[in-house]
Full PDB file with SEQRES, HELIX, SHEET, SSBOND, CRYST1, ORIGX, SCALE, CONECT and MASTER records, all heavy atoms in Angstrom:
SEQRES   1 A   38  VAL GLY PRO GLN GLU ALA ASN GLY LYS LYS PHE ARG ILE          
SEQRES   2 A   38  VAL LEU TYR ALA LYS GLN THR SER ASN PRO GLU GLY LYS          
SEQRES   3 A   38  TYR SER SER TRP SER ASN ALA LYS GLN ALA GLY VAL              
HELIX    1 AA1 SER A   29  SER A   31  5                                   3    
SHEET    1 AA1 2 LEU A  15  ALA A  17  0                                        
SHEET    2 AA1 2 LYS A  34  GLY A  37 -1                                        
CRYST1    1.000    1.000    1.000  90.00  90.00  90.00 P 1           1          
ORIGX1      1.000000  0.000000  0.000000        0.00000                         
ORIGX2      0.000000  1.000000  0.000000        0.00000                         
ORIGX3      0.000000  0.000000  1.000000        0.00000                         
SCALE1      1.000000  0.000000  0.000000        0.00000                         
SCALE2      0.000000  1.000000  0.000000        0.00000                         
SCALE3      0.000000  0.000000  1.000000        0.00000                         
ATOM      1  N   VAL A   1      29.175 -38.677 -87.232  1.00  0.00           N  
ATOM      2  CA  VAL A   1      30.022 -39.828 -86.919  1.00  0.00           C  
ATOM      3  C   VAL A   1      31.300 -39.740 -87.742  1.00  0.00           C  
ATOM      4  O   VAL A   1      31.328 -39.138 -88.801  1.00  0.00           O  
ATOM      5  CB  VAL A   1      29.307 -41.167 -87.200  1.00  0.00           C  
ATOM      6  CG1 VAL A   1      28.086 -41.322 -86.326  1.00  0.00           C  
ATOM      7  CG2 VAL A   1      28.938 -41.293 -88.662  1.00  0.00           C  
ATOM      8  N   GLY A   2      32.347 -40.372 -87.244  1.00  0.00           N  
ATOM      9  CA  GLY A   2      33.604 -40.418 -87.976  1.00  0.00           C  
ATOM     10  C   GLY A   2      34.626 -39.469 -87.377  1.00  0.00           C  
ATOM     11  O   GLY A   2      34.292 -38.703 -86.481  1.00  0.00           O  
ATOM     12  N   PRO A   3      35.833 -39.541 -87.856  1.00  0.00           N  
ATOM     13  CA  PRO A   3      36.335 -40.484 -88.851  1.00  0.00           C  
ATOM     14  C   PRO A   3      36.402 -41.907 -88.296  1.00  0.00           C  
ATOM     15  O   PRO A   3      36.376 -42.112 -87.079  1.00  0.00           O  
ATOM     16  CB  PRO A   3      37.723 -39.940 -89.180  1.00  0.00           C  
ATOM     17  CG  PRO A   3      38.122 -39.126 -88.007  1.00  0.00           C  
ATOM     18  CD  PRO A   3      36.857 -38.619 -87.378  1.00  0.00           C  
ATOM     19  N   GLN A   4      36.495 -42.868 -89.202  1.00  0.00           N  
ATOM     20  CA  GLN A   4      36.583 -44.275 -88.824  1.00  0.00           C  
ATOM     21  C   GLN A   4      37.345 -45.022 -89.904  1.00  0.00           C  
ATOM     22  O   GLN A   4      37.116 -44.816 -91.091  1.00  0.00           O  
ATOM     23  CB  GLN A   4      35.173 -44.862 -88.666  1.00  0.00           C  
ATOM     24  CG  GLN A   4      35.168 -46.369 -88.467  1.00  0.00           C  
ATOM     25  CD  GLN A   4      33.796 -46.919 -88.146  1.00  0.00           C  
ATOM     26  OE1 GLN A   4      33.381 -46.862 -87.004  1.00  0.00           O  
ATOM     27  NE2 GLN A   4      33.092 -47.445 -89.135  1.00  0.00           N  
ATOM     28  N   GLU A   5      38.243 -45.908 -89.484  1.00  0.00           N  
ATOM     29  CA  GLU A   5      38.972 -46.747 -90.429  1.00  0.00           C  
ATOM     30  C   GLU A   5      38.026 -47.835 -90.948  1.00  0.00           C  
ATOM     31  O   GLU A   5      36.965 -48.063 -90.381  1.00  0.00           O  
ATOM     32  CB  GLU A   5      40.217 -47.360 -89.761  1.00  0.00           C  
ATOM     33  CG  GLU A   5      39.925 -48.340 -88.640  1.00  0.00           C  
ATOM     34  CD  GLU A   5      39.555 -47.717 -87.293  1.00  0.00           C  
ATOM     35  OE1 GLU A   5      39.647 -46.496 -87.121  1.00  0.00           O  
ATOM     36  OE2 GLU A   5      39.139 -48.486 -86.402  1.00  0.00           O  
ATOM     37  N   ALA A   6      38.400 -48.497 -92.022  1.00  0.00           N  
ATOM     38  CA  ALA A   6      37.586 -49.579 -92.583  1.00  0.00           C  
ATOM     39  C   ALA A   6      37.331 -50.636 -91.515  1.00  0.00           C  
ATOM     40  O   ALA A   6      38.240 -51.004 -90.769  1.00  0.00           O  
ATOM     41  CB  ALA A   6      38.289 -50.202 -93.786  1.00  0.00           C  
ATOM     42  N   ASN A   7      36.105 -51.110 -91.418  1.00  0.00           N  
ATOM     43  CA  ASN A   7      35.679 -52.103 -90.422  1.00  0.00           C  
ATOM     44  C   ASN A   7      35.940 -51.642 -88.989  1.00  0.00           C  
ATOM     45  O   ASN A   7      36.170 -52.461 -88.109  1.00  0.00           O  
ATOM     46  CB  ASN A   7      36.334 -53.457 -90.681  1.00  0.00           C  
ATOM     47  CG  ASN A   7      35.902 -54.037 -92.007  1.00  0.00           C  
ATOM     48  OD1 ASN A   7      34.708 -54.077 -92.305  1.00  0.00           O  
ATOM     49  ND2 ASN A   7      36.848 -54.458 -92.819  1.00  0.00           N  
ATOM     50  N   GLY A   8      35.889 -50.331 -88.773  1.00  0.00           N  
ATOM     51  CA  GLY A   8      36.111 -49.781 -87.435  1.00  0.00           C  
ATOM     52  C   GLY A   8      34.999 -50.134 -86.468  1.00  0.00           C  
ATOM     53  O   GLY A   8      33.964 -50.686 -86.840  1.00  0.00           O  
ATOM     54  N   LYS A   9      35.183 -49.791 -85.216  1.00  0.00           N  
ATOM     55  CA  LYS A   9      34.243 -50.161 -84.157  1.00  0.00           C  
ATOM     56  C   LYS A   9      33.462 -48.970 -83.610  1.00  0.00           C  
ATOM     57  O   LYS A   9      32.697 -49.108 -82.672  1.00  0.00           O  
ATOM     58  CB  LYS A   9      34.996 -50.843 -82.998  1.00  0.00           C  
ATOM     59  CG  LYS A   9      35.770 -52.074 -83.410  1.00  0.00           C  
ATOM     60  CD  LYS A   9      34.866 -53.181 -83.868  1.00  0.00           C  
ATOM     61  CE  LYS A   9      35.661 -54.430 -84.225  1.00  0.00           C  
ATOM     62  NZ  LYS A   9      34.888 -55.369 -85.000  1.00  0.00           N  
ATOM     63  N   LYS A  10      33.620 -47.782 -84.210  1.00  0.00           N  
ATOM     64  CA  LYS A  10      32.938 -46.597 -83.689  1.00  0.00           C  
ATOM     65  C   LYS A  10      31.524 -46.435 -84.226  1.00  0.00           C  
ATOM     66  O   LYS A  10      30.679 -45.837 -83.583  1.00  0.00           O  
ATOM     67  CB  LYS A  10      33.735 -45.334 -84.044  1.00  0.00           C  
ATOM     68  CG  LYS A  10      35.096 -45.249 -83.415  1.00  0.00           C  
ATOM     69  CD  LYS A  10      35.791 -43.982 -83.901  1.00  0.00           C  
ATOM     70  CE  LYS A  10      37.221 -43.920 -83.408  1.00  0.00           C  
ATOM     71  NZ  LYS A  10      37.912 -42.746 -83.969  1.00  0.00           N  
ATOM     72  N   PHE A  11      31.259 -46.939 -85.438  1.00  0.00           N  
ATOM     73  CA  PHE A  11      29.978 -46.713 -86.100  1.00  0.00           C  
ATOM     74  C   PHE A  11      29.628 -47.918 -86.956  1.00  0.00           C  
ATOM     75  O   PHE A  11      30.489 -48.485 -87.637  1.00  0.00           O  
ATOM     76  CB  PHE A  11      30.080 -45.454 -86.976  1.00  0.00           C  
ATOM     77  CG  PHE A  11      28.873 -45.190 -87.818  1.00  0.00           C  
ATOM     78  CD1 PHE A  11      27.670 -44.800 -87.252  1.00  0.00           C  
ATOM     79  CD2 PHE A  11      28.936 -45.335 -89.197  1.00  0.00           C  
ATOM     80  CE1 PHE A  11      26.557 -44.556 -88.038  1.00  0.00           C  
ATOM     81  CE2 PHE A  11      27.822 -45.088 -89.994  1.00  0.00           C  
ATOM     82  CZ  PHE A  11      26.632 -44.696 -89.402  1.00  0.00           C  
ATOM     83  N   ARG A  12      28.346 -48.288 -86.947  1.00  0.00           N  
ATOM     84  CA  ARG A  12      27.898 -49.429 -87.747  1.00  0.00           C  
ATOM     85  C   ARG A  12      26.467 -49.204 -88.226  1.00  0.00           C  
ATOM     86  O   ARG A  12      25.703 -48.470 -87.609  1.00  0.00           O  
ATOM     87  CB  ARG A  12      27.976 -50.721 -86.947  1.00  0.00           C  
ATOM     88  CG  ARG A  12      26.967 -50.779 -85.814  1.00  0.00           C  
ATOM     89  CD  ARG A  12      27.107 -52.040 -84.968  1.00  0.00           C  
ATOM     90  NE  ARG A  12      26.099 -52.105 -83.938  1.00  0.00           N  
ATOM     91  CZ  ARG A  12      26.159 -51.530 -82.757  1.00  0.00           C  
ATOM     92  NH1 ARG A  12      27.213 -50.813 -82.438  1.00  0.00           N  
ATOM     93  NH2 ARG A  12      25.185 -51.659 -81.877  1.00  0.00           N  
ATOM     94  N   ILE A  13      26.135 -49.857 -89.333  1.00  0.00           N  
ATOM     95  CA  ILE A  13      24.765 -49.874 -89.844  1.00  0.00           C  
ATOM     96  C   ILE A  13      24.353 -51.337 -89.886  1.00  0.00           C  
ATOM     97  O   ILE A  13      25.025 -52.168 -90.506  1.00  0.00           O  
ATOM     98  CB  ILE A  13      24.680 -49.254 -91.246  1.00  0.00           C  
ATOM     99  CG1 ILE A  13      25.206 -47.818 -91.224  1.00  0.00           C  
ATOM    100  CG2 ILE A  13      23.234 -49.290 -91.756  1.00  0.00           C  
ATOM    101  CD1 ILE A  13      25.476 -47.238 -92.593  1.00  0.00           C  
ATOM    102  N   VAL A  14      23.242 -51.657 -89.216  1.00  0.00           N  
ATOM    103  CA  VAL A  14      22.771 -53.032 -89.137  1.00  0.00           C  
ATOM    104  C   VAL A  14      21.484 -53.153 -89.943  1.00  0.00           C  
ATOM    105  O   VAL A  14      20.603 -52.302 -89.847  1.00  0.00           O  
ATOM    106  CB  VAL A  14      22.538 -53.460 -87.671  1.00  0.00           C  
ATOM    107  CG1 VAL A  14      22.054 -54.902 -87.597  1.00  0.00           C  
ATOM    108  CG2 VAL A  14      23.805 -53.286 -86.849  1.00  0.00           C  
ATOM    109  N   LEU A  15      21.397 -54.207 -90.746  1.00  0.00           N  
ATOM    110  CA  LEU A  15      20.208 -54.503 -91.527  1.00  0.00           C  
ATOM    111  C   LEU A  15      19.468 -55.658 -90.870  1.00  0.00           C  
ATOM    112  O   LEU A  15      20.057 -56.703 -90.593  1.00  0.00           O  
ATOM    113  CB  LEU A  15      20.603 -54.886 -92.962  1.00  0.00           C  
ATOM    114  CG  LEU A  15      19.530 -55.571 -93.813  1.00  0.00           C  
ATOM    115  CD1 LEU A  15      18.344 -54.640 -94.065  1.00  0.00           C  
ATOM    116  CD2 LEU A  15      20.117 -56.067 -95.115  1.00  0.00           C  
ATOM    117  N   TYR A  16      18.177 -55.447 -90.622  1.00  0.00           N  
ATOM    118  CA  TYR A  16      17.294 -56.510 -90.133  1.00  0.00           C  
ATOM    119  C   TYR A  16      16.275 -56.785 -91.229  1.00  0.00           C  
ATOM    120  O   TYR A  16      15.778 -55.857 -91.875  1.00  0.00           O  
ATOM    121  CB  TYR A  16      16.563 -56.080 -88.859  1.00  0.00           C  
ATOM    122  CG  TYR A  16      17.488 -55.827 -87.705  1.00  0.00           C  
ATOM    123  CD1 TYR A  16      17.962 -54.555 -87.434  1.00  0.00           C  
ATOM    124  CD2 TYR A  16      17.916 -56.871 -86.885  1.00  0.00           C  
ATOM    125  CE1 TYR A  16      18.824 -54.314 -86.384  1.00  0.00           C  
ATOM    126  CE2 TYR A  16      18.785 -56.644 -85.826  1.00  0.00           C  
ATOM    127  CZ  TYR A  16      19.236 -55.362 -85.583  1.00  0.00           C  
ATOM    128  OH  TYR A  16      20.087 -55.131 -84.543  1.00  0.00           O  
ATOM    129  N   ALA A  17      15.964 -58.053 -91.470  1.00  0.00           N  
ATOM    130  CA  ALA A  17      14.979 -58.439 -92.481  1.00  0.00           C  
ATOM    131  C   ALA A  17      13.885 -59.259 -91.822  1.00  0.00           C  
ATOM    132  O   ALA A  17      14.152 -60.108 -90.968  1.00  0.00           O  
ATOM    133  CB  ALA A  17      15.647 -59.245 -93.591  1.00  0.00           C  
ATOM    134  N   LYS A  18      12.651 -58.986 -92.242  1.00  0.00           N  
ATOM    135  CA  LYS A  18      11.493 -59.723 -91.721  1.00  0.00           C  
ATOM    136  C   LYS A  18      10.551 -59.974 -92.880  1.00  0.00           C  
ATOM    137  O   LYS A  18      10.174 -59.050 -93.599  1.00  0.00           O  
ATOM    138  CB  LYS A  18      10.783 -58.907 -90.649  1.00  0.00           C  
ATOM    139  CG  LYS A  18       9.524 -59.552 -90.134  1.00  0.00           C  
ATOM    140  CD  LYS A  18       8.842 -58.677 -89.102  1.00  0.00           C  
ATOM    141  CE  LYS A  18       7.582 -59.345 -88.592  1.00  0.00           C  
ATOM    142  NZ  LYS A  18       6.907 -58.537 -87.582  1.00  0.00           N  
ATOM    143  N   GLN A  19      10.163 -61.247 -93.067  1.00  0.00           N  
ATOM    144  CA  GLN A  19       9.224 -61.563 -94.137  1.00  0.00           C  
ATOM    145  C   GLN A  19       7.815 -61.223 -93.657  1.00  0.00           C  
ATOM    146  O   GLN A  19       7.381 -61.665 -92.597  1.00  0.00           O  
ATOM    147  CB  GLN A  19       9.319 -63.028 -94.546  1.00  0.00           C  
ATOM    148  CG  GLN A  19       8.522 -63.324 -95.790  1.00  0.00           C  
ATOM    149  CD  GLN A  19       8.835 -64.679 -96.376  1.00  0.00           C  
ATOM    150  OE1 GLN A  19       9.232 -65.592 -95.681  1.00  0.00           O  
ATOM    151  NE2 GLN A  19       8.652 -64.809 -97.691  1.00  0.00           N  
ATOM    152  N   THR A  20       7.110 -60.415 -94.452  1.00  0.00           N  
ATOM    153  CA  THR A  20       5.762 -59.978 -94.073  1.00  0.00           C  
ATOM    154  C   THR A  20       4.680 -60.705 -94.862  1.00  0.00           C  
ATOM    155  O   THR A  20       3.520 -60.699 -94.458  1.00  0.00           O  
ATOM    156  CB  THR A  20       5.612 -58.456 -94.289  1.00  0.00           C  
ATOM    157  OG1 THR A  20       5.913 -58.148 -95.658  1.00  0.00           O  
ATOM    158  CG2 THR A  20       6.542 -57.687 -93.371  1.00  0.00           C  
ATOM    159  N   SER A  21       5.042 -61.325 -95.984  1.00  0.00           N  
ATOM    160  CA  SER A  21       4.080 -62.066 -96.796  1.00  0.00           C  
ATOM    161  C   SER A  21       4.806 -63.187 -97.515  1.00  0.00           C  
ATOM    162  O   SER A  21       5.814 -62.968 -98.175  1.00  0.00           O  
ATOM    163  CB  SER A  21       3.426 -61.131 -97.818  1.00  0.00           C  
ATOM    164  OG  SER A  21       2.628 -61.871 -98.711  1.00  0.00           O  
ATOM    165  N   ASN A  22       4.272 -64.402 -97.358  1.00  0.00           N  
ATOM    166  CA  ASN A  22       4.869 -65.571 -97.987  1.00  0.00           C  
ATOM    167  C   ASN A  22       3.827 -66.179 -98.919  1.00  0.00           C  
ATOM    168  O   ASN A  22       2.889 -66.828 -98.457  1.00  0.00           O  
ATOM    169  CB  ASN A  22       5.298 -66.565 -96.901  1.00  0.00           C  
ATOM    170  CG  ASN A  22       6.005 -67.778 -97.449  1.00  0.00           C  
ATOM    171  OD1 ASN A  22       5.887 -68.099 -98.629  1.00  0.00           O  
ATOM    172  ND2 ASN A  22       6.721 -68.468 -96.593  1.00  0.00           N  
ATOM    173  N   PRO A  23       3.955 -65.980-100.241  1.00  0.00           N  
ATOM    174  CA  PRO A  23       2.914 -66.438-101.167  1.00  0.00           C  
ATOM    175  C   PRO A  23       2.723 -67.952-101.180  1.00  0.00           C  
ATOM    176  O   PRO A  23       1.652 -68.428-101.497  1.00  0.00           O  
ATOM    177  CB  PRO A  23       3.396 -65.935-102.528  1.00  0.00           C  
ATOM    178  CG  PRO A  23       4.847 -65.713-102.381  1.00  0.00           C  
ATOM    179  CD  PRO A  23       5.076 -65.371-100.935  1.00  0.00           C  
ATOM    180  N   GLU A  24       3.745 -68.691-100.825  1.00  0.00           N  
ATOM    181  CA  GLU A  24       3.635 -70.146-100.837  1.00  0.00           C  
ATOM    182  C   GLU A  24       3.051 -70.680 -99.532  1.00  0.00           C  
ATOM    183  O   GLU A  24       2.730 -71.854 -99.435  1.00  0.00           O  
ATOM    184  CB  GLU A  24       5.006 -70.766-101.113  1.00  0.00           C  
ATOM    185  CG  GLU A  24       5.554 -70.380-102.481  1.00  0.00           C  
ATOM    186  CD  GLU A  24       6.953 -70.872-102.707  1.00  0.00           C  
ATOM    187  OE1 GLU A  24       7.495 -71.614-101.861  1.00  0.00           O  
ATOM    188  OE2 GLU A  24       7.541 -70.497-103.742  1.00  0.00           O  
ATOM    189  N   GLY A  25       2.936 -69.831 -98.518  1.00  0.00           N  
ATOM    190  CA  GLY A  25       2.349 -70.243 -97.242  1.00  0.00           C  
ATOM    191  C   GLY A  25       3.204 -71.194 -96.434  1.00  0.00           C  
ATOM    192  O   GLY A  25       2.754 -71.755 -95.445  1.00  0.00           O  
ATOM    193  N   LYS A  26       4.438 -71.394 -96.829  1.00  0.00           N  
ATOM    194  CA  LYS A  26       5.332 -72.309 -96.110  1.00  0.00           C  
ATOM    195  C   LYS A  26       5.988 -71.595 -94.935  1.00  0.00           C  
ATOM    196  O   LYS A  26       6.027 -70.370 -94.873  1.00  0.00           O  
ATOM    197  CB  LYS A  26       6.426 -72.823 -97.053  1.00  0.00           C  
ATOM    198  CG  LYS A  26       5.915 -73.635 -98.211  1.00  0.00           C  
ATOM    199  CD  LYS A  26       7.083 -74.055 -99.092  1.00  0.00           C  
ATOM    200  CE  LYS A  26       6.592 -74.802-100.310  1.00  0.00           C  
ATOM    201  NZ  LYS A  26       7.694 -75.108-101.221  1.00  0.00           N  
ATOM    202  N   TYR A  27       6.535 -72.399 -94.028  1.00  0.00           N  
ATOM    203  CA  TYR A  27       7.291 -71.822 -92.917  1.00  0.00           C  
ATOM    204  C   TYR A  27       8.511 -71.096 -93.467  1.00  0.00           C  
ATOM    205  O   TYR A  27       9.170 -71.559 -94.392  1.00  0.00           O  
ATOM    206  CB  TYR A  27       7.750 -72.907 -91.938  1.00  0.00           C  
ATOM    207  CG  TYR A  27       8.772 -72.402 -90.962  1.00  0.00           C  
ATOM    208  CD1 TYR A  27       8.381 -71.649 -89.862  1.00  0.00           C  
ATOM    209  CD2 TYR A  27      10.138 -72.606 -91.153  1.00  0.00           C  
ATOM    210  CE1 TYR A  27       9.307 -71.137 -88.971  1.00  0.00           C  
ATOM    211  CE2 TYR A  27      11.072 -72.107 -90.283  1.00  0.00           C  
ATOM    212  CZ  TYR A  27      10.654 -71.374 -89.191  1.00  0.00           C  
ATOM    213  OH  TYR A  27      11.575 -70.867 -88.318  1.00  0.00           O  
ATOM    214  N   SER A  28       8.820 -69.958 -92.889  1.00  0.00           N  
ATOM    215  CA  SER A  28      10.014 -69.206 -93.266  1.00  0.00           C  
ATOM    216  C   SER A  28      10.730 -68.759 -92.002  1.00  0.00           C  
ATOM    217  O   SER A  28      10.102 -68.232 -91.088  1.00  0.00           O  
ATOM    218  CB  SER A  28       9.642 -67.981 -94.099  1.00  0.00           C  
ATOM    219  OG  SER A  28      10.784 -67.169 -94.297  1.00  0.00           O  
ATOM    220  N   SER A  29      12.018 -68.973 -91.971  1.00  0.00           N  
ATOM    221  CA  SER A  29      12.801 -68.516 -90.813  1.00  0.00           C  
ATOM    222  C   SER A  29      12.873 -66.994 -90.775  1.00  0.00           C  
ATOM    223  O   SER A  29      13.304 -66.411 -89.797  1.00  0.00           O  
ATOM    224  CB  SER A  29      14.206 -69.113 -90.846  1.00  0.00           C  
ATOM    225  OG  SER A  29      14.900 -68.650 -91.981  1.00  0.00           O  
ATOM    226  N   TRP A  30      12.440 -66.336 -91.836  1.00  0.00           N  
ATOM    227  CA  TRP A  30      12.462 -64.883 -91.913  1.00  0.00           C  
ATOM    228  C   TRP A  30      11.175 -64.258 -91.367  1.00  0.00           C  
ATOM    229  O   TRP A  30      11.013 -63.047 -91.390  1.00  0.00           O  
ATOM    230  CB  TRP A  30      12.681 -64.424 -93.359  1.00  0.00           C  
ATOM    231  CG  TRP A  30      14.003 -64.833 -93.895  1.00  0.00           C  
ATOM    232  CD1 TRP A  30      14.282 -65.934 -94.653  1.00  0.00           C  
ATOM    233  CD2 TRP A  30      15.244 -64.172 -93.705  1.00  0.00           C  
ATOM    234  NE1 TRP A  30      15.616 -65.986 -94.955  1.00  0.00           N  
ATOM    235  CE2 TRP A  30      16.242 -64.909 -94.385  1.00  0.00           C  
ATOM    236  CE3 TRP A  30      15.629 -63.010 -93.032  1.00  0.00           C  
ATOM    237  CZ2 TRP A  30      17.571 -64.530 -94.402  1.00  0.00           C  
ATOM    238  CZ3 TRP A  30      16.959 -62.624 -93.064  1.00  0.00           C  
ATOM    239  CH2 TRP A  30      17.911 -63.390 -93.740  1.00  0.00           C  
ATOM    240  N   SER A  31      10.222 -65.089 -90.875  1.00  0.00           N  
ATOM    241  CA  SER A  31       8.956 -64.533 -90.391  1.00  0.00           C  
ATOM    242  C   SER A  31       9.152 -63.691 -89.127  1.00  0.00           C  
ATOM    243  O   SER A  31       8.327 -62.844 -88.819  1.00  0.00           O  
ATOM    244  CB  SER A  31       7.936 -65.642 -90.147  1.00  0.00           C  
ATOM    245  OG  SER A  31       8.421 -66.549 -89.183  1.00  0.00           O  
ATOM    246  N   ASN A  32      10.211 -63.931 -88.402  1.00  0.00           N  
ATOM    247  CA  ASN A  32      10.601 -63.069 -87.288  1.00  0.00           C  
ATOM    248  C   ASN A  32      11.825 -62.284 -87.746  1.00  0.00           C  
ATOM    249  O   ASN A  32      12.728 -62.839 -88.366  1.00  0.00           O  
ATOM    250  CB  ASN A  32      10.964 -63.886 -86.042  1.00  0.00           C  
ATOM    251  CG  ASN A  32       9.765 -64.611 -85.482  1.00  0.00           C  
ATOM    252  OD1 ASN A  32       8.675 -64.041 -85.401  1.00  0.00           O  
ATOM    253  ND2 ASN A  32       9.949 -65.870 -85.131  1.00  0.00           N  
ATOM    254  N   ALA A  33      11.846 -61.002 -87.454  1.00  0.00           N  
ATOM    255  CA  ALA A  33      12.973 -60.169 -87.892  1.00  0.00           C  
ATOM    256  C   ALA A  33      14.291 -60.732 -87.376  1.00  0.00           C  
ATOM    257  O   ALA A  33      14.379 -61.150 -86.221  1.00  0.00           O  
ATOM    258  CB  ALA A  33      12.783 -58.742 -87.409  1.00  0.00           C  
ATOM    259  N   LYS A  34      15.286 -60.763 -88.264  1.00  0.00           N  
ATOM    260  CA  LYS A  34      16.616 -61.194 -87.828  1.00  0.00           C  
ATOM    261  C   LYS A  34      17.673 -60.380 -88.551  1.00  0.00           C  
ATOM    262  O   LYS A  34      17.432 -59.823 -89.625  1.00  0.00           O  
ATOM    263  CB  LYS A  34      16.820 -62.684 -88.022  1.00  0.00           C  
ATOM    264  CG  LYS A  34      16.791 -63.186 -89.440  1.00  0.00           C  
ATOM    265  CD  LYS A  34      16.987 -64.714 -89.429  1.00  0.00           C  
ATOM    266  CE  LYS A  34      16.928 -65.314 -90.794  1.00  0.00           C  
ATOM    267  NZ  LYS A  34      17.147 -66.764 -90.769  1.00  0.00           N  
ATOM    268  N   GLN A  35      18.825 -60.323 -87.916  1.00  0.00           N  
ATOM    269  CA  GLN A  35      19.925 -59.545 -88.476  1.00  0.00           C  
ATOM    270  C   GLN A  35      20.364 -60.182 -89.783  1.00  0.00           C  
ATOM    271  O   GLN A  35      20.630 -61.372 -89.852  1.00  0.00           O  
ATOM    272  CB  GLN A  35      21.082 -59.490 -87.487  1.00  0.00           C  
ATOM    273  CG  GLN A  35      22.213 -58.613 -87.940  1.00  0.00           C  
ATOM    274  CD  GLN A  35      23.277 -58.462 -86.869  1.00  0.00           C  
ATOM    275  OE1 GLN A  35      22.976 -58.191 -85.728  1.00  0.00           O  
ATOM    276  NE2 GLN A  35      24.531 -58.657 -87.255  1.00  0.00           N  
ATOM    277  N   ALA A  36      20.442 -59.367 -90.843  1.00  0.00           N  
ATOM    278  CA  ALA A  36      20.805 -59.874 -92.157  1.00  0.00           C  
ATOM    279  C   ALA A  36      22.123 -59.295 -92.660  1.00  0.00           C  
ATOM    280  O   ALA A  36      22.587 -59.672 -93.721  1.00  0.00           O  
ATOM    281  CB  ALA A  36      19.687 -59.571 -93.150  1.00  0.00           C  
ATOM    282  N   GLY A  37      22.717 -58.381 -91.904  1.00  0.00           N  
ATOM    283  CA  GLY A  37      23.992 -57.820 -92.332  1.00  0.00           C  
ATOM    284  C   GLY A  37      24.436 -56.658 -91.472  1.00  0.00           C  
ATOM    285  O   GLY A  37      23.618 -56.012 -90.815  1.00  0.00           O  
ATOM    286  N   VAL A  38      25.743 -56.421 -91.452  1.00  0.00           N  
ATOM    287  CA  VAL A  38      26.343 -55.294 -90.727  1.00  0.00           C  
ATOM    288  C   VAL A  38      27.346 -54.629 -91.662  1.00  0.00           C  
ATOM    289  O   VAL A  38      28.126 -55.311 -92.321  1.00  0.00           O  
ATOM    290  CB  VAL A  38      27.059 -55.753 -89.440  1.00  0.00           C  
ATOM    291  CG1 VAL A  38      27.731 -54.581 -88.747  1.00  0.00           C  
ATOM    292  CG2 VAL A  38      26.090 -56.447 -88.494  1.00  0.00           C  
TER     293      VAL A  38                                                      
MASTER        0    0    0    1    2    0    0    6  292    1    0    3          
END                                                                             
């Protein structure tokens, strides 16, 4: 991949986060994977 200018549109890395264990047992919006950053 590349070349690409800063914040270009040719290439991206996306982070998804999903909570797999919640020690407090409370509801978490992270229990389903969601985009956490690009």
